[in-house]
Amino acid sequence: MKVDLHVHSKYSIRPSQWILQKLGCPECFTEPAEVYRIAKQRGMDLVTITDHNTISGSLDIAHLPGTFVSEEVTTYFPEDGCKAHVLV
């Protein structure tokens, strides 16, 4: 089974890299349908989109075969405020 669990689309508008934030640049410009097309072309059995703190990209392709909804959630450890990205 082939699947890439860490893929972004145009809905990842708040990148984690500070330089992209300063430039007001999103992490990705790719349409969800194009992410799906490329993934299938590269032999992925399943396709998902893990945009930052949103499921919008996943929902855009949810009607297509072999997809599932996921998201990259930004969270912080309560002890020290250390940031972590969790794929859910």
N, C-alpha and C. Protein backbone atom coordinates (compact mmCIF):
# COMPACT_ATOMS: atom_id res chain seq x y z
N MET A 1 0.85 -1.17 0.00
CA MET A 1 0.00 0.00 0.00
C MET A 1 0.89 1.23 0.00
N LYS A 2 0.66 2.13 -0.96
CA LYS A 2 1.43 3.37 -1.05
C LYS A 2 0.54 4.57 -0.77
N VAL A 3 1.01 5.42 0.14
CA VAL A 3 0.31 6.67 0.45
C VAL A 3 1.33 7.65 1.04
N ASP A 4 1.25 8.89 0.64
CA ASP A 4 2.07 9.95 1.23
C ASP A 4 1.20 10.65 2.26
N LEU A 5 1.59 10.56 3.52
CA LEU A 5 0.77 11.10 4.61
C LEU A 5 1.07 12.56 4.94
N HIS A 6 1.98 13.20 4.21
CA HIS A 6 2.33 14.59 4.52
C HIS A 6 2.40 15.40 3.22
N VAL A 7 1.21 15.82 2.76
CA VAL A 7 1.09 16.59 1.52
C VAL A 7 0.22 17.81 1.78
N HIS A 8 0.64 18.95 1.26
CA HIS A 8 -0.12 20.19 1.43
C HIS A 8 -0.76 20.62 0.11
N SER A 9 -1.76 21.48 0.22
CA SER A 9 -2.40 22.10 -0.94
C SER A 9 -2.47 23.61 -0.70
N LYS A 10 -3.19 24.29 -1.57
CA LYS A 10 -3.32 25.75 -1.46
C LYS A 10 -3.97 26.19 -0.15
N TYR A 11 -4.57 25.27 0.58
CA TYR A 11 -5.22 25.62 1.84
C TYR A 11 -4.24 25.74 3.01
N SER A 12 -2.99 25.38 2.82
CA SER A 12 -1.97 25.58 3.86
C SER A 12 -1.46 27.01 3.76
N ILE A 13 -2.27 27.92 4.28
CA ILE A 13 -1.97 29.34 4.11
C ILE A 13 -1.08 29.92 5.20
N ARG A 14 -0.89 29.19 6.29
CA ARG A 14 -0.03 29.67 7.38
C ARG A 14 1.14 28.71 7.52
N PRO A 15 2.22 28.96 6.77
CA PRO A 15 3.36 28.05 6.80
C PRO A 15 4.10 28.09 8.14
N SER A 16 4.83 27.03 8.42
CA SER A 16 5.59 26.98 9.67
C SER A 16 6.93 27.70 9.54
N GLN A 17 7.45 27.87 8.34
CA GLN A 17 8.73 28.55 8.15
C GLN A 17 8.56 30.05 8.33
N TRP A 18 9.40 30.63 9.18
CA TRP A 18 9.26 32.05 9.52
C TRP A 18 9.43 32.95 8.31
N ILE A 19 10.31 32.59 7.38
CA ILE A 19 10.55 33.45 6.22
C ILE A 19 9.31 33.53 5.33
N LEU A 20 8.62 32.39 5.16
CA LEU A 20 7.39 32.41 4.37
C LEU A 20 6.30 33.21 5.06
N GLN A 21 6.25 33.14 6.39
CA GLN A 21 5.28 33.94 7.15
C GLN A 21 5.55 35.42 6.94
N LYS A 22 6.82 35.83 7.02
CA LYS A 22 7.19 37.25 6.85
C LYS A 22 6.84 37.76 5.46
N LEU A 23 6.96 36.87 4.47
CA LEU A 23 6.65 37.25 3.09
C LEU A 23 5.16 37.16 2.78
N GLY A 24 4.38 36.62 3.71
CA GLY A 24 2.95 36.44 3.47
C GLY A 24 2.68 35.39 2.40
N CYS A 25 3.57 34.43 2.31
CA CYS A 25 3.50 33.40 1.28
C CYS A 25 2.92 32.11 1.84
N PRO A 26 1.96 31.50 1.17
CA PRO A 26 1.45 30.22 1.65
C PRO A 26 2.50 29.13 1.48
N GLU A 27 2.30 28.01 2.13
CA GLU A 27 3.26 26.90 2.03
C GLU A 27 3.14 26.18 0.69
N CYS A 28 1.98 26.28 0.06
CA CYS A 28 1.75 25.57 -1.20
C CYS A 28 0.73 26.34 -2.04
N PHE A 29 0.85 26.21 -3.35
CA PHE A 29 -0.09 26.86 -4.26
C PHE A 29 -0.93 25.85 -5.05
N THR A 30 -0.73 24.57 -4.82
CA THR A 30 -1.33 23.52 -5.63
C THR A 30 -2.79 23.26 -5.27
N GLU A 31 -3.62 23.16 -6.29
CA GLU A 31 -5.03 22.82 -6.12
C GLU A 31 -5.15 21.38 -5.63
N PRO A 32 -6.10 21.07 -4.74
CA PRO A 32 -6.28 19.71 -4.25
C PRO A 32 -6.47 18.67 -5.36
N ALA A 33 -7.23 19.00 -6.39
CA ALA A 33 -7.43 18.06 -7.50
C ALA A 33 -6.12 17.72 -8.20
N GLU A 34 -5.23 18.69 -8.28
CA GLU A 34 -3.92 18.46 -8.89
C GLU A 34 -3.05 17.59 -7.98
N VAL A 35 -3.13 17.80 -6.66
CA VAL A 35 -2.42 16.93 -5.72
C VAL A 35 -2.87 15.49 -5.92
N TYR A 36 -4.17 15.29 -6.03
CA TYR A 36 -4.73 13.95 -6.23
C TYR A 36 -4.22 13.35 -7.54
N ARG A 37 -4.28 14.11 -8.61
CA ARG A 37 -3.85 13.63 -9.92
C ARG A 37 -2.39 13.19 -9.89
N ILE A 38 -1.54 14.02 -9.33
CA ILE A 38 -0.11 13.71 -9.26
C ILE A 38 0.14 12.48 -8.40
N ALA A 39 -0.53 12.40 -7.26
CA ALA A 39 -0.35 11.25 -6.37
C ALA A 39 -0.74 9.95 -7.07
N LYS A 40 -1.87 9.94 -7.75
CA LYS A 40 -2.30 8.74 -8.46
C LYS A 40 -1.33 8.41 -9.60
N GLN A 41 -0.86 9.44 -10.30
CA GLN A 41 0.10 9.26 -11.39
C GLN A 41 1.40 8.63 -10.87
N ARG A 42 1.76 8.95 -9.64
CA ARG A 42 2.99 8.42 -9.04
C ARG A 42 2.77 7.09 -8.32
N GLY A 43 1.59 6.52 -8.49
CA GLY A 43 1.35 5.17 -8.00
C GLY A 43 0.80 5.05 -6.60
N MET A 44 0.28 6.13 -6.04
CA MET A 44 -0.29 6.06 -4.70
C MET A 44 -1.62 5.31 -4.72
N ASP A 45 -1.79 4.38 -3.78
CA ASP A 45 -3.05 3.65 -3.66
C ASP A 45 -4.11 4.49 -2.96
N LEU A 46 -3.69 5.26 -1.98
CA LEU A 46 -4.57 6.17 -1.24
C LEU A 46 -4.01 7.58 -1.34
N VAL A 47 -4.90 8.56 -1.25
CA VAL A 47 -4.48 9.96 -1.32
C VAL A 47 -5.16 10.74 -0.21
N THR A 48 -4.39 11.55 0.47
CA THR A 48 -4.93 12.47 1.46
C THR A 48 -4.16 13.77 1.39
N ILE A 49 -4.71 14.81 1.96
CA ILE A 49 -4.04 16.11 2.02
C ILE A 49 -4.01 16.54 3.47
N THR A 50 -2.82 16.83 3.96
CA THR A 50 -2.65 17.22 5.37
C THR A 50 -2.26 18.69 5.45
N ASP A 51 -3.21 19.55 5.14
CA ASP A 51 -2.95 20.99 5.24
C ASP A 51 -2.85 21.41 6.69
N HIS A 52 -2.21 22.55 6.91
CA HIS A 52 -2.02 23.08 8.27
C HIS A 52 -3.35 23.54 8.87
N ASN A 53 -3.78 22.86 9.91
CA ASN A 53 -4.93 23.27 10.73
C ASN A 53 -6.23 23.46 9.96
N THR A 54 -6.41 22.68 8.89
CA THR A 54 -7.66 22.71 8.14
C THR A 54 -7.84 21.40 7.38
N ILE A 55 -9.09 21.00 7.20
CA ILE A 55 -9.37 19.81 6.40
C ILE A 55 -9.94 20.20 5.02
N SER A 56 -9.87 21.46 4.68
CA SER A 56 -10.46 21.96 3.43
C SER A 56 -9.91 21.25 2.20
N GLY A 57 -8.60 21.04 2.12
CA GLY A 57 -8.01 20.35 0.98
C GLY A 57 -8.50 18.92 0.88
N SER A 58 -8.54 18.23 2.01
CA SER A 58 -9.03 16.85 2.03
C SER A 58 -10.48 16.78 1.61
N LEU A 59 -11.28 17.72 2.07
CA LEU A 59 -12.71 17.72 1.71
C LEU A 59 -12.92 17.97 0.22
N ASP A 60 -12.04 18.76 -0.39
CA ASP A 60 -12.16 19.02 -1.83
C ASP A 60 -12.02 17.75 -2.67
N ILE A 61 -11.25 16.77 -2.18
CA ILE A 61 -11.05 15.54 -2.95
C ILE A 61 -11.76 14.34 -2.33
N ALA A 62 -12.51 14.54 -1.27
CA ALA A 62 -13.13 13.43 -0.52
C ALA A 62 -14.07 12.58 -1.37
N HIS A 63 -14.62 13.14 -2.42
CA HIS A 63 -15.53 12.40 -3.29
C HIS A 63 -14.81 11.48 -4.28
N LEU A 64 -13.51 11.61 -4.38
CA LEU A 64 -12.73 10.82 -5.33
C LEU A 64 -12.35 9.47 -4.72
N PRO A 65 -12.18 8.44 -5.56
CA PRO A 65 -11.85 7.11 -5.03
C PRO A 65 -10.49 7.08 -4.33
N GLY A 66 -10.42 6.31 -3.24
CA GLY A 66 -9.15 6.09 -2.56
C GLY A 66 -8.64 7.27 -1.77
N THR A 67 -9.55 8.09 -1.24
CA THR A 67 -9.13 9.25 -0.44
C THR A 67 -9.61 9.10 1.00
N PHE A 68 -8.98 9.84 1.90
CA PHE A 68 -9.45 9.94 3.27
C PHE A 68 -9.07 11.32 3.80
N VAL A 69 -9.78 11.75 4.81
CA VAL A 69 -9.61 13.10 5.36
C VAL A 69 -8.52 13.09 6.43
N SER A 70 -7.64 14.07 6.36
CA SER A 70 -6.60 14.24 7.37
C SER A 70 -6.22 15.72 7.46
N GLU A 71 -5.34 16.00 8.41
CA GLU A 71 -4.97 17.38 8.70
C GLU A 71 -3.64 17.37 9.47
N GLU A 72 -2.87 18.44 9.33
CA GLU A 72 -1.68 18.63 10.15
C GLU A 72 -2.02 19.67 11.22
N VAL A 73 -2.13 19.21 12.45
CA VAL A 73 -2.54 20.06 13.56
C VAL A 73 -1.32 20.61 14.28
N THR A 74 -1.29 21.92 14.49
CA THR A 74 -0.24 22.54 15.28
C THR A 74 -0.69 22.54 16.73
N THR A 75 0.17 22.02 17.59
CA THR A 75 -0.14 21.95 19.01
C THR A 75 1.10 22.34 19.81
N TYR A 76 0.92 22.59 21.07
CA TYR A 76 2.02 23.03 21.92
C TYR A 76 2.06 22.21 23.21
N PHE A 77 3.24 21.83 23.63
CA PHE A 77 3.40 21.14 24.91
C PHE A 77 3.11 22.13 26.04
N PRO A 78 2.27 21.74 27.01
CA PRO A 78 1.90 22.67 28.08
C PRO A 78 3.07 23.03 29.00
N GLU A 79 4.04 22.15 29.12
CA GLU A 79 5.15 22.39 30.04
C GLU A 79 6.06 23.53 29.61
N ASP A 80 6.33 23.59 28.29
CA ASP A 80 7.32 24.56 27.83
C ASP A 80 6.92 25.32 26.57
N GLY A 81 5.72 25.06 26.04
CA GLY A 81 5.25 25.77 24.85
C GLY A 81 5.91 25.33 23.57
N CYS A 82 6.64 24.22 23.61
CA CYS A 82 7.30 23.70 22.42
C CYS A 82 6.24 23.29 21.39
N LYS A 83 6.41 23.80 20.16
CA LYS A 83 5.44 23.53 19.11
C LYS A 83 5.68 22.16 18.49
N ALA A 84 4.59 21.47 18.17
CA ALA A 84 4.67 20.19 17.48
C ALA A 84 3.57 20.12 16.42
N HIS A 85 3.90 19.50 15.29
CA HIS A 85 2.91 19.27 14.24
C HIS A 85 2.55 17.80 14.29
N VAL A 86 1.24 17.53 14.36
CA VAL A 86 0.74 16.17 14.48
C VAL A 86 -0.18 15.89 13.29
N LEU A 87 0.09 14.79 12.58
CA LEU A 87 -0.78 14.41 11.48
C LEU A 87 -1.94 13.60 12.02
N VAL A 88 -3.16 14.06 11.77
CA VAL A 88 -4.36 13.36 12.27
C VAL A 88 -5.33 13.12 11.12
